[in-house]
Every structure is written in structure tokens, then in C-alpha cells.
Amino acid sequence: MLFRDFIDLYFEDMGHQLKESTIISKHYMVDKKILPVFGKMPINEITRKISASGRIN
């Protein structure tokens, strides 16, 4: 499963439990900061080393 797919499931599952302002804030952060780096990566390939550096070697 790609990280992007996991995020989609997260928002689908949590969307009705969070306030609209929280959803907007989380979407902004995920879309601008996290998905550009991790979106196309399989979850099992994300390691502490990659996430700490913000780079994929």
C-alpha cells in the first residue's frame, strides 16, 4: 500500500470524527509537506532514516 493510499483511508475514516477546521489544517500539512516526499512510497519502505532526513536515497 502506498503512503498516499493510507492517507486517503485515514481521511475517509477520521473525516466524520474531526472538526472541519482540523481536517482543513491536516489536509494542508499533508498535501504540502508530507505527500510530496512520501506519497508514492510503499509504507513498508518508509524508515526512520528517510523520514528524519526528508530525503529518499
Protein backbone atom coordinates (compact mmCIF):
# COMPACT_ATOMS: atom_id res chain seq x y z
CA MET A 1 0.00 0.00 0.00
CA LEU A 2 1.32 3.41 -0.93
CA PHE A 3 1.51 6.08 1.73
CA ARG A 4 -0.87 8.23 -0.35
CA ASP A 5 -3.48 5.43 -0.21
CA PHE A 6 -3.06 5.18 3.56
CA ILE A 7 -3.65 8.92 3.92
CA ASP A 8 -6.82 8.64 1.81
CA LEU A 9 -8.08 5.90 4.13
CA TYR A 10 -7.19 7.99 7.17
CA PHE A 11 -9.20 10.99 6.00
CA GLU A 12 -12.09 8.75 4.94
CA ASP A 13 -12.14 7.10 8.36
CA MET A 14 -11.47 10.16 10.53
CA GLY A 15 -13.29 12.78 8.47
CA HIS A 16 -16.55 12.45 10.35
CA GLN A 17 -14.80 12.49 13.76
CA LEU A 18 -12.82 15.71 13.30
CA LYS A 19 -13.90 19.31 13.13
CA GLU A 20 -13.86 20.83 9.65
CA SER A 21 -11.09 23.26 10.62
CA THR A 22 -8.93 20.34 11.80
CA ILE A 23 -9.48 18.46 8.55
CA ILE A 24 -8.54 21.53 6.51
CA SER A 25 -5.39 22.05 8.58
CA LYS A 26 -4.34 18.40 8.35
CA HIS A 27 -5.02 18.29 4.60
CA TYR A 28 -2.88 21.37 4.07
CA MET A 29 0.05 19.96 6.05
CA VAL A 30 -0.17 16.52 4.44
CA ASP A 31 -0.61 17.83 0.90
CA LYS A 32 2.16 20.44 1.07
CA LYS A 33 4.75 18.82 3.34
CA ILE A 34 4.32 15.06 3.59
CA LEU A 35 2.87 13.68 0.35
CA PRO A 36 5.49 15.29 -1.92
CA VAL A 37 8.15 13.24 -0.10
CA PHE A 38 6.33 10.05 0.89
CA GLY A 39 3.18 9.88 -1.26
CA LYS A 40 4.42 7.40 -3.87
CA MET A 41 6.37 5.23 -1.44
CA PRO A 42 5.08 1.91 -0.15
CA ILE A 43 4.53 2.19 3.59
CA ASN A 44 6.94 -0.65 4.34
CA GLU A 45 9.80 1.28 2.68
CA ILE A 46 9.48 4.34 4.92
CA THR A 47 12.14 4.19 7.60
CA ARG A 48 13.27 6.47 10.40
CA LYS A 49 16.35 7.38 8.36
CA ILE A 50 14.26 8.52 5.39
CA SER A 51 11.72 10.36 7.49
CA ALA A 52 14.36 12.15 9.58
CA SER A 53 16.33 13.36 6.57
CA GLY A 54 13.29 14.16 4.43
CA ARG A 55 15.23 12.71 1.50
CA ILE A 56 14.97 9.46 -0.35
CA ASN A 57 18.31 7.92 -1.27
